[in-house]
Amino acid sequence: MRASRMFSMVVVTTLIGVACGDDVTGIPSDIEIFRATLNGAKEIPALVSPTPATGEATITVMGNLLSWRVEVTNISNVTIGHIHYGPADSAAGIMVNLSPTAGTYTATTVIAQGSLVVNDSVLVHMRAGKAYVNIHTSDGVGGTDPVGPAGDYPGGEIRGQTQKQ
C-alpha cells in the first residue's frame, strides 16, 4: 500500500505541474525517472521462439527510494521479475525483486508495483545505463530454458534496458 501511495504522489505531482502551464514541472529536482520498453528481442541469450509479449516499466528514484510500475501485454505464465545490473548485450545478477503478480495477461495489465530503499550500487548501475528489467515465465513443466512456446522462458521472456528520462 505504501508503494502505491508513493507512486500516486509522484503522478499527482507531475499532473499538477503540467496543469500549471508554466515552466515549472512540479516534479521535485531530486526525483529521477527511468523507463524500459520490454520485448523478447532484447533477451540475452536470444529467444529460440518469438514472443508476442511486450511491457513497459517506469521506475522513479527519490534519494535511495526506488519505486516501480510494470505493465505487460500478451504474456503467459508470469512467474518472477527483476531489475538486473548489466549492459544491453549481457545477462547479469539481480539487484531488485519486482514481485510481479503471477499469471497470464492478454490485455495491458499492471503486474508489479512497489517501492524499496536501495543501496547506492543499484543507483550507480541505473545512472550508468547498466540496468535492465526482465520478466520471467514458466509453464511449470521441467526442461531447459527455453523449452517451448511463449510463456515458457524461466530465464526471461521480455527484457528492456532502463533509460533515464
N, C-alpha and C. Protein backbone atom coordinates (compact mmCIF):
# COMPACT_ATOMS: atom_id res chain seq x y z
N MET A 1 0.81 -1.19 0.00
CA MET A 1 0.00 0.00 0.00
C MET A 1 0.86 1.26 0.00
N ARG A 2 1.95 1.22 0.77
CA ARG A 2 2.85 2.36 0.84
C ARG A 2 3.43 2.68 -0.54
N ALA A 3 3.76 1.64 -1.30
CA ALA A 3 4.32 1.82 -2.64
C ALA A 3 3.30 2.50 -3.55
N SER A 4 2.06 2.08 -3.44
CA SER A 4 1.00 2.68 -4.26
C SER A 4 0.84 4.17 -3.95
N ARG A 5 0.90 4.49 -2.68
CA ARG A 5 0.78 5.90 -2.29
C ARG A 5 1.94 6.72 -2.83
N MET A 6 3.17 6.18 -2.75
CA MET A 6 4.34 6.89 -3.24
C MET A 6 4.24 7.13 -4.74
N PHE A 7 3.89 6.07 -5.46
CA PHE A 7 3.78 6.19 -6.92
C PHE A 7 2.67 7.19 -7.26
N SER A 8 1.54 7.11 -6.56
CA SER A 8 0.44 8.04 -6.79
C SER A 8 0.86 9.48 -6.52
N MET A 9 1.65 9.68 -5.47
CA MET A 9 2.12 11.02 -5.13
C MET A 9 2.97 11.60 -6.26
N VAL A 10 3.85 10.78 -6.83
CA VAL A 10 4.69 11.24 -7.94
C VAL A 10 3.82 11.59 -9.15
N VAL A 11 2.84 10.75 -9.44
CA VAL A 11 1.96 11.00 -10.58
C VAL A 11 1.15 12.28 -10.36
N VAL A 12 0.59 12.46 -9.19
CA VAL A 12 -0.21 13.66 -8.90
C VAL A 12 0.65 14.91 -8.99
N THR A 13 1.87 14.85 -8.45
CA THR A 13 2.78 15.99 -8.52
C THR A 13 3.07 16.35 -9.96
N THR A 14 3.29 15.35 -10.79
CA THR A 14 3.56 15.57 -12.20
C THR A 14 2.36 16.22 -12.88
N LEU A 15 1.17 15.70 -12.62
CA LEU A 15 -0.04 16.24 -13.23
C LEU A 15 -0.30 17.69 -12.81
N ILE A 16 -0.05 18.00 -11.57
CA ILE A 16 -0.22 19.38 -11.10
C ILE A 16 0.74 20.30 -11.83
N GLY A 17 1.97 19.85 -11.98
CA GLY A 17 2.97 20.66 -12.70
C GLY A 17 2.56 20.90 -14.14
N VAL A 18 2.05 19.88 -14.81
CA VAL A 18 1.60 20.03 -16.20
C VAL A 18 0.41 20.97 -16.27
N ALA A 19 -0.50 20.84 -15.33
CA ALA A 19 -1.70 21.68 -15.33
C ALA A 19 -1.38 23.15 -15.09
N CYS A 20 -0.29 23.45 -14.44
CA CYS A 20 0.08 24.83 -14.18
C CYS A 20 0.37 25.59 -15.47
N GLY A 21 0.86 24.90 -16.48
CA GLY A 21 1.08 25.53 -17.78
C GLY A 21 2.25 26.50 -17.83
N ASP A 22 3.10 26.52 -16.84
CA ASP A 22 4.27 27.40 -16.90
C ASP A 22 5.53 26.56 -17.03
N ASP A 23 6.67 27.14 -16.79
CA ASP A 23 7.93 26.43 -16.96
C ASP A 23 8.26 25.50 -15.79
N VAL A 24 7.46 25.52 -14.74
CA VAL A 24 7.72 24.68 -13.58
C VAL A 24 7.00 23.34 -13.78
N THR A 25 7.72 22.25 -13.67
CA THR A 25 7.11 20.94 -13.90
C THR A 25 6.37 20.42 -12.68
N GLY A 26 6.69 20.90 -11.51
CA GLY A 26 6.06 20.38 -10.31
C GLY A 26 6.76 19.14 -9.78
N ILE A 27 7.73 18.61 -10.50
CA ILE A 27 8.47 17.44 -10.04
C ILE A 27 9.67 17.95 -9.24
N PRO A 28 9.80 17.51 -8.00
CA PRO A 28 10.97 17.94 -7.23
C PRO A 28 12.26 17.61 -7.96
N SER A 29 13.25 18.45 -7.81
CA SER A 29 14.50 18.29 -8.56
C SER A 29 15.26 17.02 -8.21
N ASP A 30 14.97 16.42 -7.05
CA ASP A 30 15.71 15.22 -6.67
C ASP A 30 15.04 13.92 -7.12
N ILE A 31 13.99 14.00 -7.95
CA ILE A 31 13.34 12.80 -8.47
C ILE A 31 13.90 12.50 -9.86
N GLU A 32 14.30 11.23 -10.05
CA GLU A 32 14.76 10.76 -11.35
C GLU A 32 13.74 9.74 -11.87
N ILE A 33 13.50 9.77 -13.17
CA ILE A 33 12.57 8.83 -13.78
C ILE A 33 13.31 8.01 -14.84
N PHE A 34 13.13 6.70 -14.76
CA PHE A 34 13.72 5.77 -15.72
C PHE A 34 12.59 4.99 -16.37
N ARG A 35 12.76 4.64 -17.64
CA ARG A 35 11.79 3.81 -18.33
C ARG A 35 12.52 2.68 -19.05
N ALA A 36 11.79 1.57 -19.23
CA ALA A 36 12.31 0.44 -20.00
C ALA A 36 11.16 -0.11 -20.84
N THR A 37 11.42 -0.29 -22.13
CA THR A 37 10.46 -0.93 -23.03
C THR A 37 10.89 -2.39 -23.16
N LEU A 38 9.99 -3.31 -22.79
CA LEU A 38 10.34 -4.72 -22.72
C LEU A 38 9.79 -5.49 -23.92
N ASN A 39 10.63 -6.37 -24.48
CA ASN A 39 10.19 -7.30 -25.52
C ASN A 39 11.17 -8.46 -25.59
N GLY A 40 10.79 -9.49 -26.34
CA GLY A 40 11.61 -10.69 -26.44
C GLY A 40 12.88 -10.50 -27.23
N ALA A 41 12.89 -9.54 -28.16
CA ALA A 41 14.08 -9.32 -28.99
C ALA A 41 15.28 -8.85 -28.17
N LYS A 42 15.03 -8.31 -26.99
CA LYS A 42 16.11 -7.79 -26.16
C LYS A 42 16.67 -8.82 -25.18
N GLU A 43 16.10 -10.03 -25.17
CA GLU A 43 16.58 -11.06 -24.25
C GLU A 43 17.98 -11.53 -24.63
N ILE A 44 18.78 -11.83 -23.61
CA ILE A 44 20.13 -12.39 -23.78
C ILE A 44 20.18 -13.67 -22.96
N PRO A 45 20.44 -14.83 -23.56
CA PRO A 45 20.60 -15.05 -25.00
C PRO A 45 19.27 -14.87 -25.72
N ALA A 46 19.35 -14.73 -27.04
CA ALA A 46 18.16 -14.52 -27.86
C ALA A 46 17.18 -15.68 -27.69
N LEU A 47 15.88 -15.35 -27.75
CA LEU A 47 14.86 -16.38 -27.64
C LEU A 47 14.86 -17.28 -28.88
N VAL A 48 14.63 -18.56 -28.68
CA VAL A 48 14.53 -19.51 -29.79
C VAL A 48 13.22 -19.29 -30.54
N SER A 49 12.13 -19.09 -29.80
CA SER A 49 10.82 -18.84 -30.40
C SER A 49 10.44 -17.39 -30.13
N PRO A 50 9.91 -16.66 -31.13
CA PRO A 50 9.49 -15.28 -30.88
C PRO A 50 8.30 -15.25 -29.92
N THR A 51 8.15 -14.14 -29.24
CA THR A 51 7.05 -13.97 -28.30
C THR A 51 6.24 -12.73 -28.66
N PRO A 52 4.91 -12.80 -28.48
CA PRO A 52 4.08 -11.61 -28.71
C PRO A 52 4.09 -10.67 -27.50
N ALA A 53 4.72 -11.09 -26.42
CA ALA A 53 4.69 -10.34 -25.16
C ALA A 53 5.47 -9.03 -25.26
N THR A 54 4.93 -7.99 -24.64
CA THR A 54 5.60 -6.70 -24.53
C THR A 54 5.35 -6.14 -23.14
N GLY A 55 6.09 -5.10 -22.79
CA GLY A 55 5.88 -4.48 -21.50
C GLY A 55 6.54 -3.12 -21.41
N GLU A 56 6.20 -2.42 -20.36
CA GLU A 56 6.75 -1.09 -20.09
C GLU A 56 6.98 -0.99 -18.58
N ALA A 57 8.17 -0.57 -18.19
CA ALA A 57 8.48 -0.35 -16.78
C ALA A 57 8.81 1.11 -16.57
N THR A 58 8.25 1.69 -15.51
CA THR A 58 8.57 3.05 -15.11
C THR A 58 9.13 2.96 -13.69
N ILE A 59 10.30 3.53 -13.52
CA ILE A 59 10.99 3.48 -12.23
C ILE A 59 11.32 4.90 -11.81
N THR A 60 10.93 5.27 -10.60
CA THR A 60 11.28 6.59 -10.08
C THR A 60 12.25 6.42 -8.91
N VAL A 61 13.14 7.38 -8.80
CA VAL A 61 14.13 7.37 -7.72
C VAL A 61 14.07 8.72 -7.03
N MET A 62 13.92 8.68 -5.70
CA MET A 62 13.98 9.89 -4.89
C MET A 62 14.88 9.55 -3.70
N GLY A 63 16.07 10.12 -3.72
CA GLY A 63 17.06 9.72 -2.72
C GLY A 63 17.43 8.27 -2.97
N ASN A 64 17.26 7.42 -1.98
CA ASN A 64 17.51 5.99 -2.16
C ASN A 64 16.22 5.18 -2.23
N LEU A 65 15.08 5.87 -2.38
CA LEU A 65 13.80 5.18 -2.52
C LEU A 65 13.53 4.94 -4.00
N LEU A 66 13.45 3.69 -4.37
CA LEU A 66 13.18 3.29 -5.74
C LEU A 66 11.74 2.79 -5.80
N SER A 67 10.93 3.33 -6.71
CA SER A 67 9.54 2.90 -6.89
C SER A 67 9.37 2.43 -8.32
N TRP A 68 8.55 1.41 -8.53
CA TRP A 68 8.38 0.87 -9.87
C TRP A 68 6.93 0.54 -10.17
N ARG A 69 6.66 0.49 -11.47
CA ARG A 69 5.36 0.09 -12.01
C ARG A 69 5.66 -0.61 -13.33
N VAL A 70 5.20 -1.86 -13.46
CA VAL A 70 5.46 -2.65 -14.67
C VAL A 70 4.13 -3.09 -15.27
N GLU A 71 3.94 -2.76 -16.56
CA GLU A 71 2.76 -3.19 -17.32
C GLU A 71 3.21 -4.19 -18.38
N VAL A 72 2.38 -5.19 -18.65
CA VAL A 72 2.67 -6.17 -19.69
C VAL A 72 1.42 -6.40 -20.54
N THR A 73 1.65 -6.96 -21.73
CA THR A 73 0.56 -7.33 -22.64
C THR A 73 0.95 -8.63 -23.34
N ASN A 74 -0.03 -9.50 -23.55
CA ASN A 74 0.16 -10.75 -24.31
C ASN A 74 1.26 -11.64 -23.76
N ILE A 75 1.24 -11.86 -22.46
CA ILE A 75 2.27 -12.73 -21.85
C ILE A 75 1.57 -13.80 -21.01
N SER A 76 2.09 -15.01 -21.09
CA SER A 76 1.52 -16.14 -20.36
C SER A 76 2.50 -16.64 -19.31
N ASN A 77 1.95 -17.11 -18.22
CA ASN A 77 2.71 -17.81 -17.19
C ASN A 77 3.80 -16.97 -16.52
N VAL A 78 3.51 -15.70 -16.22
CA VAL A 78 4.47 -14.86 -15.50
C VAL A 78 4.77 -15.50 -14.16
N THR A 79 6.06 -15.57 -13.83
CA THR A 79 6.45 -16.14 -12.54
C THR A 79 7.19 -15.12 -11.67
N ILE A 80 8.23 -14.52 -12.21
CA ILE A 80 9.04 -13.57 -11.44
C ILE A 80 9.49 -12.42 -12.34
N GLY A 81 9.99 -11.37 -11.73
CA GLY A 81 10.54 -10.23 -12.46
C GLY A 81 11.54 -9.49 -11.59
N HIS A 82 12.54 -8.92 -12.25
CA HIS A 82 13.63 -8.27 -11.50
C HIS A 82 14.17 -7.06 -12.26
N ILE A 83 14.92 -6.26 -11.51
CA ILE A 83 15.85 -5.31 -12.11
C ILE A 83 17.22 -5.94 -11.93
N HIS A 84 17.92 -6.12 -13.05
CA HIS A 84 19.26 -6.72 -13.04
C HIS A 84 20.29 -5.64 -13.34
N TYR A 85 21.53 -5.85 -12.95
CA TYR A 85 22.61 -4.99 -13.41
C TYR A 85 23.18 -5.60 -14.67
N GLY A 86 23.67 -4.77 -15.57
CA GLY A 86 24.29 -5.25 -16.79
C GLY A 86 23.94 -4.42 -18.00
N PRO A 87 24.87 -4.34 -18.96
CA PRO A 87 24.60 -3.62 -20.20
C PRO A 87 23.63 -4.40 -21.09
N ALA A 88 23.20 -3.77 -22.17
CA ALA A 88 22.19 -4.35 -23.05
C ALA A 88 22.61 -5.66 -23.68
N ASP A 89 23.89 -5.90 -23.82
CA ASP A 89 24.37 -7.11 -24.51
C ASP A 89 24.77 -8.23 -23.56
N SER A 90 24.42 -8.12 -22.29
CA SER A 90 24.84 -9.13 -21.31
C SER A 90 23.71 -9.45 -20.33
N ALA A 91 23.76 -10.66 -19.82
CA ALA A 91 22.87 -11.05 -18.72
C ALA A 91 23.69 -10.98 -17.44
N ALA A 92 23.08 -10.51 -16.37
CA ALA A 92 23.83 -10.35 -15.12
C ALA A 92 22.91 -10.55 -13.93
N GLY A 93 23.44 -10.29 -12.75
CA GLY A 93 22.75 -10.60 -11.50
C GLY A 93 21.58 -9.69 -11.16
N ILE A 94 20.80 -10.15 -10.22
CA ILE A 94 19.60 -9.45 -9.76
C ILE A 94 19.97 -8.38 -8.74
N MET A 95 19.35 -7.19 -8.91
CA MET A 95 19.51 -6.12 -7.91
C MET A 95 18.22 -5.93 -7.10
N VAL A 96 17.06 -5.99 -7.77
CA VAL A 96 15.78 -5.71 -7.11
C VAL A 96 14.75 -6.73 -7.59
N ASN A 97 14.05 -7.35 -6.64
CA ASN A 97 12.94 -8.24 -6.97
C ASN A 97 11.68 -7.38 -7.12
N LEU A 98 11.04 -7.42 -8.29
CA LEU A 98 9.86 -6.59 -8.55
C LEU A 98 8.57 -7.24 -8.06
N SER A 99 8.61 -8.49 -7.69
CA SER A 99 7.45 -9.23 -7.16
C SER A 99 6.19 -9.08 -8.01
N PRO A 100 6.25 -9.46 -9.30
CA PRO A 100 5.06 -9.34 -10.12
C PRO A 100 3.99 -10.35 -9.70
N THR A 101 2.75 -10.06 -10.02
CA THR A 101 1.66 -10.97 -9.77
C THR A 101 1.69 -12.05 -10.85
N ALA A 102 1.84 -13.28 -10.43
CA ALA A 102 1.91 -14.40 -11.38
C ALA A 102 0.60 -14.51 -12.14
N GLY A 103 0.71 -14.93 -13.43
CA GLY A 103 -0.50 -15.14 -14.20
C GLY A 103 -0.27 -14.97 -15.69
N THR A 104 -1.38 -14.96 -16.41
CA THR A 104 -1.40 -14.79 -17.85
C THR A 104 -2.20 -13.52 -18.15
N TYR A 105 -1.67 -12.67 -19.04
CA TYR A 105 -2.27 -11.36 -19.30
C TYR A 105 -2.33 -11.10 -20.80
N THR A 106 -3.55 -11.01 -21.35
CA THR A 106 -3.70 -10.69 -22.77
C THR A 106 -3.85 -9.19 -22.95
N ALA A 107 -4.60 -8.55 -22.08
CA ALA A 107 -4.76 -7.09 -22.13
C ALA A 107 -3.63 -6.44 -21.33
N THR A 108 -3.38 -5.18 -21.60
CA THR A 108 -2.35 -4.44 -20.87
C THR A 108 -2.74 -4.40 -19.39
N THR A 109 -1.83 -4.89 -18.55
CA THR A 109 -2.12 -5.06 -17.13
C THR A 109 -0.89 -4.68 -16.31
N VAL A 110 -1.10 -3.97 -15.20
CA VAL A 110 -0.02 -3.69 -14.25
C VAL A 110 0.19 -4.96 -13.44
N ILE A 111 1.40 -5.53 -13.53
CA ILE A 111 1.68 -6.77 -12.80
C ILE A 111 2.62 -6.56 -11.62
N ALA A 112 3.26 -5.40 -11.56
CA ALA A 112 4.18 -5.15 -10.44
C ALA A 112 4.18 -3.67 -10.12
N GLN A 113 4.08 -3.38 -8.84
CA GLN A 113 4.13 -2.00 -8.36
C GLN A 113 4.64 -2.05 -6.94
N GLY A 114 5.63 -1.23 -6.64
CA GLY A 114 6.15 -1.24 -5.29
C GLY A 114 7.25 -0.22 -5.08
N SER A 115 7.82 -0.22 -3.90
CA SER A 115 8.91 0.68 -3.53
C SER A 115 9.86 -0.04 -2.60
N LEU A 116 11.09 0.41 -2.61
CA LEU A 116 12.12 -0.20 -1.79
C LEU A 116 13.26 0.78 -1.62
N VAL A 117 13.81 0.88 -0.42
CA VAL A 117 15.02 1.66 -0.20
C VAL A 117 16.18 0.78 -0.67
N VAL A 118 16.99 1.31 -1.59
CA VAL A 118 18.08 0.53 -2.18
C VAL A 118 19.44 1.13 -1.81
N ASN A 119 20.48 0.32 -1.98
CA ASN A 119 21.82 0.84 -1.72
C ASN A 119 22.31 1.60 -2.95
N ASP A 120 23.36 2.36 -2.76
CA ASP A 120 23.87 3.23 -3.82
C ASP A 120 24.30 2.48 -5.08
N SER A 121 24.73 1.21 -4.95
CA SER A 121 25.21 0.48 -6.14
C SER A 121 24.10 0.28 -7.16
N VAL A 122 22.86 0.11 -6.71
CA VAL A 122 21.72 -0.02 -7.64
C VAL A 122 21.60 1.26 -8.46
N LEU A 123 21.67 2.39 -7.79
CA LEU A 123 21.52 3.68 -8.47
C LEU A 123 22.70 3.96 -9.40
N VAL A 124 23.89 3.56 -9.00
CA VAL A 124 25.07 3.75 -9.86
C VAL A 124 24.88 2.99 -11.18
N HIS A 125 24.44 1.73 -11.10
CA HIS A 125 24.21 0.95 -12.31
C HIS A 125 23.13 1.57 -13.18
N MET A 126 22.04 2.00 -12.57
CA MET A 126 20.94 2.59 -13.34
C MET A 126 21.40 3.87 -14.03
N ARG A 127 22.07 4.73 -13.32
CA ARG A 127 22.52 6.01 -13.89
C ARG A 127 23.55 5.82 -14.99
N ALA A 128 24.29 4.71 -14.95
CA ALA A 128 25.30 4.42 -15.97
C ALA A 128 24.70 3.70 -17.18
N GLY A 129 23.38 3.44 -17.15
CA GLY A 129 22.74 2.73 -18.26
C GLY A 129 23.01 1.24 -18.23
N LYS A 130 23.38 0.73 -17.07
CA LYS A 130 23.73 -0.68 -16.94
C LYS A 130 22.77 -1.40 -16.01
N ALA A 131 21.48 -1.27 -16.32
CA ALA A 131 20.44 -1.97 -15.57
C ALA A 131 19.31 -2.30 -16.54
N TYR A 132 18.67 -3.42 -16.29
CA TYR A 132 17.54 -3.81 -17.15
C TYR A 132 16.45 -4.51 -16.34
N VAL A 133 15.24 -4.45 -16.87
CA VAL A 133 14.09 -5.12 -16.28
C VAL A 133 13.87 -6.40 -17.06
N ASN A 134 13.63 -7.50 -16.36
CA ASN A 134 13.42 -8.80 -17.00
C ASN A 134 12.22 -9.48 -16.36
N ILE A 135 11.28 -9.95 -17.20
CA ILE A 135 10.11 -10.68 -16.73
C ILE A 135 10.25 -12.13 -17.18
N HIS A 136 10.16 -13.05 -16.23
CA HIS A 136 10.36 -14.47 -16.46
C HIS A 136 9.02 -15.20 -16.51
N THR A 137 8.94 -16.25 -17.33
CA THR A 137 7.72 -17.04 -17.43
C THR A 137 8.09 -18.53 -17.39
N SER A 138 7.13 -19.35 -16.96
CA SER A 138 7.33 -20.80 -16.96
C SER A 138 5.97 -21.49 -16.92
N ASP A 139 5.84 -22.53 -17.75
CA ASP A 139 4.59 -23.30 -17.73
C ASP A 139 4.59 -24.36 -16.65
N GLY A 140 5.66 -24.45 -15.87
CA GLY A 140 5.72 -25.39 -14.76
C GLY A 140 6.14 -26.79 -15.14
N VAL A 141 6.42 -27.02 -16.43
CA VAL A 141 6.86 -28.32 -16.89
C VAL A 141 8.38 -28.28 -16.97
N GLY A 142 9.06 -29.31 -16.51
CA GLY A 142 10.52 -29.34 -16.48
C GLY A 142 11.14 -29.19 -17.85
N GLY A 143 12.41 -28.91 -17.86
CA GLY A 143 13.14 -28.74 -19.11
C GLY A 143 14.12 -27.60 -18.99
N THR A 144 14.86 -27.37 -20.06
CA THR A 144 15.82 -26.28 -20.04
C THR A 144 15.24 -25.06 -20.74
N ASP A 145 15.75 -23.92 -20.44
CA ASP A 145 15.25 -22.65 -20.98
C ASP A 145 15.91 -22.37 -22.32
N PRO A 146 15.22 -21.99 -23.34
CA PRO A 146 13.76 -22.05 -23.46
C PRO A 146 13.33 -23.44 -23.92
N VAL A 147 12.18 -23.86 -23.48
CA VAL A 147 11.72 -25.21 -23.78
C VAL A 147 10.50 -25.25 -24.68
N GLY A 148 9.97 -24.12 -25.06
CA GLY A 148 8.77 -24.21 -25.88
C GLY A 148 8.25 -22.87 -26.31
N PRO A 149 6.96 -22.81 -26.45
CA PRO A 149 6.33 -21.58 -26.95
C PRO A 149 6.40 -20.45 -25.93
N ALA A 150 5.95 -19.29 -26.38
CA ALA A 150 5.90 -18.14 -25.47
C ALA A 150 5.18 -18.55 -24.18
N GLY A 151 5.64 -18.02 -23.08
CA GLY A 151 5.07 -18.38 -21.79
C GLY A 151 5.88 -19.45 -21.08
N ASP A 152 7.01 -19.84 -21.65
CA ASP A 152 7.86 -20.84 -21.02
C ASP A 152 9.33 -20.44 -21.17
N TYR A 153 9.68 -19.32 -20.54
CA TYR A 153 11.05 -18.82 -20.56
C TYR A 153 11.48 -18.48 -19.14
N PRO A 154 11.87 -19.50 -18.36
CA PRO A 154 12.26 -19.24 -16.97
C PRO A 154 13.43 -18.28 -16.84
N GLY A 155 14.29 -18.17 -17.88
CA GLY A 155 15.41 -17.25 -17.86
C GLY A 155 15.04 -15.84 -18.26
N GLY A 156 13.81 -15.63 -18.70
CA GLY A 156 13.33 -14.31 -19.10
C GLY A 156 12.68 -14.34 -20.47
N GLU A 157 11.45 -13.82 -20.55
CA GLU A 157 10.75 -13.75 -21.83
C GLU A 157 10.78 -12.36 -22.44
N ILE A 158 10.70 -11.33 -21.60
CA ILE A 158 10.81 -9.96 -22.11
C ILE A 158 11.76 -9.17 -21.23
N ARG A 159 12.48 -8.29 -21.87
CA ARG A 159 13.53 -7.54 -21.20
C ARG A 159 13.62 -6.15 -21.82
N GLY A 160 14.05 -5.17 -21.02
CA GLY A 160 14.30 -3.84 -21.53
C GLY A 160 15.30 -3.11 -20.66
N GLN A 161 16.22 -2.43 -21.30
CA GLN A 161 17.24 -1.63 -20.61
C GLN A 161 16.60 -0.38 -20.03
N THR A 162 16.95 -0.02 -18.80
CA THR A 162 16.41 1.22 -18.21
C THR A 162 17.14 2.42 -18.83
N GLN A 163 16.36 3.45 -19.09
CA GLN A 163 16.92 4.69 -19.64
C GLN A 163 16.37 5.87 -18.86
N LYS A 164 17.27 6.74 -18.44
CA LYS A 164 16.86 7.93 -17.69
C LYS A 164 16.09 8.87 -18.62
N GLN A 165 15.00 9.41 -18.12
CA GLN A 165 14.15 10.31 -18.92
C GLN A 165 14.51 11.76 -18.63
